[in-house]
N, C-alpha and C. Protein backbone atom coordinates (compact mmCIF):
# COMPACT_ATOMS: atom_id res chain seq x y z
N LEU A 1 3.44 42.18 -32.24
CA LEU A 1 3.69 41.27 -31.13
C LEU A 1 2.88 40.00 -31.36
N GLU A 2 3.55 38.88 -31.29
CA GLU A 2 2.87 37.60 -31.42
C GLU A 2 3.05 36.82 -30.12
N VAL A 3 1.96 36.40 -29.53
CA VAL A 3 2.00 35.59 -28.31
C VAL A 3 1.85 34.13 -28.71
N ILE A 4 2.80 33.32 -28.28
CA ILE A 4 2.77 31.88 -28.57
C ILE A 4 2.56 31.15 -27.26
N GLU A 5 1.49 30.39 -27.19
CA GLU A 5 1.19 29.65 -25.96
C GLU A 5 1.98 28.34 -25.92
N VAL A 6 2.58 28.08 -24.76
CA VAL A 6 3.29 26.83 -24.53
C VAL A 6 2.78 26.28 -23.20
N GLU A 7 2.11 25.14 -23.26
CA GLU A 7 1.58 24.55 -22.02
C GLU A 7 2.73 24.05 -21.16
N MET A 8 2.63 24.30 -19.85
CA MET A 8 3.68 23.83 -18.96
C MET A 8 3.51 22.34 -18.67
N SER A 9 4.58 21.73 -18.21
CA SER A 9 4.54 20.32 -17.85
C SER A 9 3.87 20.17 -16.49
N TYR A 10 3.16 19.10 -16.33
CA TYR A 10 2.54 18.82 -15.03
C TYR A 10 3.31 17.73 -14.28
N GLN A 11 4.51 17.43 -14.77
CA GLN A 11 5.40 16.51 -14.07
C GLN A 11 5.83 17.17 -12.76
N ARG A 12 5.90 16.42 -11.68
CA ARG A 12 6.26 16.98 -10.38
C ARG A 12 7.30 16.11 -9.69
N LEU A 13 8.25 16.75 -9.05
CA LEU A 13 9.22 16.03 -8.22
C LEU A 13 8.57 15.63 -6.90
N ILE A 14 7.75 16.52 -6.38
CA ILE A 14 7.06 16.31 -5.11
C ILE A 14 5.57 16.32 -5.42
N PRO A 15 4.85 15.23 -5.13
CA PRO A 15 3.40 15.21 -5.42
C PRO A 15 2.67 16.40 -4.80
N ASN A 16 1.74 16.96 -5.56
CA ASN A 16 0.90 18.08 -5.14
C ASN A 16 1.69 19.37 -4.88
N ASP A 17 2.89 19.48 -5.41
CA ASP A 17 3.68 20.69 -5.25
C ASP A 17 3.47 21.58 -6.48
N ASP A 18 3.64 22.87 -6.32
CA ASP A 18 3.44 23.82 -7.43
C ASP A 18 4.77 24.25 -8.04
N GLU A 19 5.61 23.30 -8.37
CA GLU A 19 6.87 23.64 -9.02
C GLU A 19 6.58 24.23 -10.39
N PRO A 20 7.25 25.30 -10.75
CA PRO A 20 6.99 25.92 -12.05
C PRO A 20 7.74 25.22 -13.19
N CYS A 21 7.22 24.10 -13.65
CA CYS A 21 7.85 23.35 -14.75
C CYS A 21 7.54 24.04 -16.08
N SER A 22 8.16 25.18 -16.27
CA SER A 22 7.84 26.03 -17.41
C SER A 22 8.90 25.92 -18.50
N TYR A 23 8.44 25.71 -19.71
CA TYR A 23 9.34 25.63 -20.85
C TYR A 23 9.79 27.01 -21.32
N ILE A 24 9.12 28.05 -20.91
CA ILE A 24 9.49 29.38 -21.41
C ILE A 24 10.65 29.99 -20.64
N ASN A 25 11.18 29.29 -19.66
CA ASN A 25 12.37 29.75 -18.96
C ASN A 25 13.59 29.18 -19.68
N TYR A 26 13.67 29.47 -20.99
CA TYR A 26 14.78 29.00 -21.82
C TYR A 26 15.79 30.11 -22.00
N TYR A 27 16.92 29.78 -22.63
CA TYR A 27 17.97 30.75 -22.90
C TYR A 27 18.26 30.75 -24.39
N ILE A 28 18.25 31.94 -24.99
CA ILE A 28 18.57 32.09 -26.40
C ILE A 28 20.06 32.38 -26.51
N ALA A 29 20.78 31.47 -27.14
CA ALA A 29 22.22 31.62 -27.33
C ALA A 29 22.51 31.90 -28.80
N ASN A 30 23.76 32.21 -29.10
CA ASN A 30 24.15 32.40 -30.50
C ASN A 30 23.93 31.10 -31.25
N GLY A 31 22.96 31.09 -32.14
CA GLY A 31 22.70 29.92 -32.96
C GLY A 31 21.88 28.83 -32.31
N GLY A 32 21.44 29.04 -31.09
CA GLY A 32 20.70 27.98 -30.42
C GLY A 32 19.76 28.47 -29.34
N VAL A 33 18.99 27.54 -28.81
CA VAL A 33 18.10 27.79 -27.68
C VAL A 33 18.31 26.64 -26.70
N VAL A 34 18.60 26.96 -25.44
CA VAL A 34 18.74 25.95 -24.39
C VAL A 34 17.38 25.84 -23.72
N LEU A 35 16.76 24.67 -23.86
CA LEU A 35 15.38 24.46 -23.44
C LEU A 35 15.31 23.43 -22.32
N PRO A 36 14.65 23.76 -21.20
CA PRO A 36 14.48 22.75 -20.15
C PRO A 36 13.41 21.74 -20.55
N ILE A 37 13.63 20.49 -20.19
CA ILE A 37 12.59 19.47 -20.36
C ILE A 37 12.38 18.79 -19.01
N PHE A 38 11.22 18.14 -18.86
CA PHE A 38 10.80 17.69 -17.52
C PHE A 38 10.38 16.23 -17.46
N HIS A 39 10.88 15.37 -18.33
CA HIS A 39 10.55 13.93 -18.32
C HIS A 39 9.05 13.70 -18.48
N ASP A 40 8.42 14.59 -19.23
CA ASP A 40 6.99 14.51 -19.54
C ASP A 40 6.93 14.40 -21.06
N GLU A 41 6.96 13.18 -21.57
CA GLU A 41 7.18 12.95 -23.00
C GLU A 41 6.30 13.79 -23.91
N LYS A 42 5.01 13.80 -23.67
CA LYS A 42 4.08 14.54 -24.53
C LYS A 42 4.32 16.05 -24.44
N ALA A 43 4.42 16.58 -23.22
CA ALA A 43 4.61 18.02 -23.05
C ALA A 43 5.99 18.45 -23.53
N ASP A 44 7.02 17.63 -23.27
CA ASP A 44 8.37 17.96 -23.74
C ASP A 44 8.40 18.06 -25.26
N GLU A 45 7.83 17.06 -25.93
CA GLU A 45 7.82 17.05 -27.40
C GLU A 45 7.05 18.25 -27.95
N ASN A 46 5.93 18.57 -27.34
CA ASN A 46 5.13 19.72 -27.76
C ASN A 46 5.94 21.01 -27.63
N ALA A 47 6.61 21.18 -26.49
CA ALA A 47 7.41 22.39 -26.27
C ALA A 47 8.56 22.48 -27.26
N ILE A 48 9.24 21.37 -27.49
CA ILE A 48 10.35 21.37 -28.45
C ILE A 48 9.85 21.80 -29.83
N ASN A 49 8.72 21.26 -30.26
CA ASN A 49 8.17 21.61 -31.58
C ASN A 49 7.79 23.08 -31.65
N ILE A 50 7.18 23.62 -30.61
CA ILE A 50 6.77 25.03 -30.60
C ILE A 50 7.99 25.94 -30.62
N ILE A 51 8.98 25.64 -29.78
CA ILE A 51 10.18 26.49 -29.72
C ILE A 51 10.96 26.39 -31.03
N GLN A 52 11.04 25.20 -31.63
CA GLN A 52 11.74 25.06 -32.91
C GLN A 52 11.04 25.85 -34.00
N THR A 53 9.71 25.88 -33.98
CA THR A 53 8.95 26.66 -34.95
C THR A 53 9.17 28.16 -34.73
N ALA A 54 9.25 28.56 -33.47
CA ALA A 54 9.46 29.98 -33.15
C ALA A 54 10.88 30.44 -33.50
N PHE A 55 11.84 29.52 -33.44
CA PHE A 55 13.24 29.83 -33.73
C PHE A 55 13.77 28.86 -34.79
N PRO A 56 13.28 28.96 -36.02
CA PRO A 56 13.63 27.96 -37.05
C PRO A 56 15.10 27.92 -37.43
N ASP A 57 15.83 29.00 -37.22
CA ASP A 57 17.24 29.04 -37.60
C ASP A 57 18.18 28.69 -36.45
N ARG A 58 17.63 28.24 -35.34
CA ARG A 58 18.46 27.92 -34.17
C ARG A 58 18.34 26.45 -33.81
N LYS A 59 19.42 25.91 -33.28
CA LYS A 59 19.42 24.52 -32.81
C LYS A 59 18.86 24.49 -31.39
N ILE A 60 17.94 23.56 -31.13
CA ILE A 60 17.36 23.41 -29.81
C ILE A 60 18.18 22.39 -29.03
N GLU A 61 18.74 22.80 -27.91
CA GLU A 61 19.49 21.91 -27.02
C GLU A 61 18.67 21.76 -25.74
N CYS A 62 18.32 20.53 -25.40
CA CYS A 62 17.50 20.27 -24.22
C CYS A 62 18.36 19.88 -23.03
N VAL A 63 18.00 20.38 -21.86
CA VAL A 63 18.67 20.04 -20.61
C VAL A 63 17.61 19.61 -19.60
N ASP A 64 18.03 18.87 -18.59
CA ASP A 64 17.12 18.39 -17.56
C ASP A 64 16.65 19.55 -16.69
N GLY A 65 15.43 19.99 -16.90
CA GLY A 65 14.87 21.11 -16.16
C GLY A 65 14.55 20.77 -14.72
N LEU A 66 14.30 19.49 -14.42
CA LEU A 66 13.98 19.10 -13.04
C LEU A 66 15.18 19.29 -12.12
N ASP A 67 16.38 18.97 -12.62
CA ASP A 67 17.57 19.17 -11.80
C ASP A 67 17.77 20.64 -11.46
N ILE A 68 17.57 21.50 -12.44
CA ILE A 68 17.72 22.94 -12.22
C ILE A 68 16.62 23.46 -11.31
N LEU A 69 15.42 22.94 -11.50
CA LEU A 69 14.26 23.36 -10.71
C LEU A 69 14.46 23.10 -9.22
N LEU A 70 15.19 22.04 -8.88
CA LEU A 70 15.46 21.73 -7.47
C LEU A 70 16.17 22.88 -6.78
N GLY A 71 16.94 23.66 -7.53
CA GLY A 71 17.64 24.81 -6.97
C GLY A 71 16.79 26.06 -6.92
N GLY A 72 15.56 25.98 -7.43
CA GLY A 72 14.65 27.11 -7.34
C GLY A 72 14.65 28.02 -8.55
N GLY A 73 15.15 27.56 -9.67
CA GLY A 73 15.18 28.42 -10.85
C GLY A 73 14.96 27.66 -12.12
N GLY A 74 15.37 28.26 -13.21
CA GLY A 74 15.24 27.66 -14.52
C GLY A 74 16.47 28.00 -15.34
N VAL A 75 16.49 27.55 -16.58
CA VAL A 75 17.64 27.77 -17.46
C VAL A 75 17.98 29.25 -17.57
N HIS A 76 17.00 30.08 -17.84
CA HIS A 76 17.26 31.51 -18.00
C HIS A 76 17.75 32.12 -16.69
N CYS A 77 17.25 31.62 -15.57
CA CYS A 77 17.64 32.15 -14.25
C CYS A 77 19.11 31.90 -13.94
N ILE A 78 19.66 30.78 -14.43
CA ILE A 78 21.02 30.42 -14.05
C ILE A 78 22.07 30.80 -15.09
N THR A 79 21.67 31.50 -16.13
CA THR A 79 22.63 31.90 -17.16
C THR A 79 22.94 33.39 -17.03
N GLN A 80 24.10 33.76 -17.51
CA GLN A 80 24.50 35.16 -17.52
C GLN A 80 24.67 35.56 -18.98
N GLN A 81 23.71 36.28 -19.49
CA GLN A 81 23.74 36.66 -20.90
C GLN A 81 24.80 37.74 -21.13
N GLN A 82 25.59 37.54 -22.16
CA GLN A 82 26.62 38.50 -22.54
C GLN A 82 26.47 38.78 -24.03
N PRO A 83 26.31 40.04 -24.41
CA PRO A 83 26.24 40.34 -25.84
C PRO A 83 27.60 40.10 -26.51
N LYS A 84 27.56 39.79 -27.79
CA LYS A 84 28.79 39.60 -28.54
C LYS A 84 29.52 40.93 -28.64
N ALA A 85 30.79 40.92 -28.32
CA ALA A 85 31.58 42.15 -28.36
C ALA A 85 31.95 42.51 -29.79
N ASN A 86 31.96 43.79 -30.07
CA ASN A 86 32.44 44.27 -31.36
C ASN A 86 33.96 44.29 -31.31
N THR A 87 34.59 43.60 -32.23
CA THR A 87 36.06 43.57 -32.23
C THR A 87 36.62 44.20 -33.46
């Protein structure tokens, strides 16, 4: 087991709010990773680099995590994972 630390973004929609701007609420898809970003240039870039290193054979696709966060969740929370069917 390898634990990889990813610092969360401290960008906030509402000042002094404890919104969980977490990069680890990503979704692993076939051939890619859907990663939330939070308009925090330094933290976003750091998270992208860490996730790309952790998943070198996958394409990283970034989405606006703040928009999703307004609904109370994250990328992984709003996706429905389906395994590939054997045909």
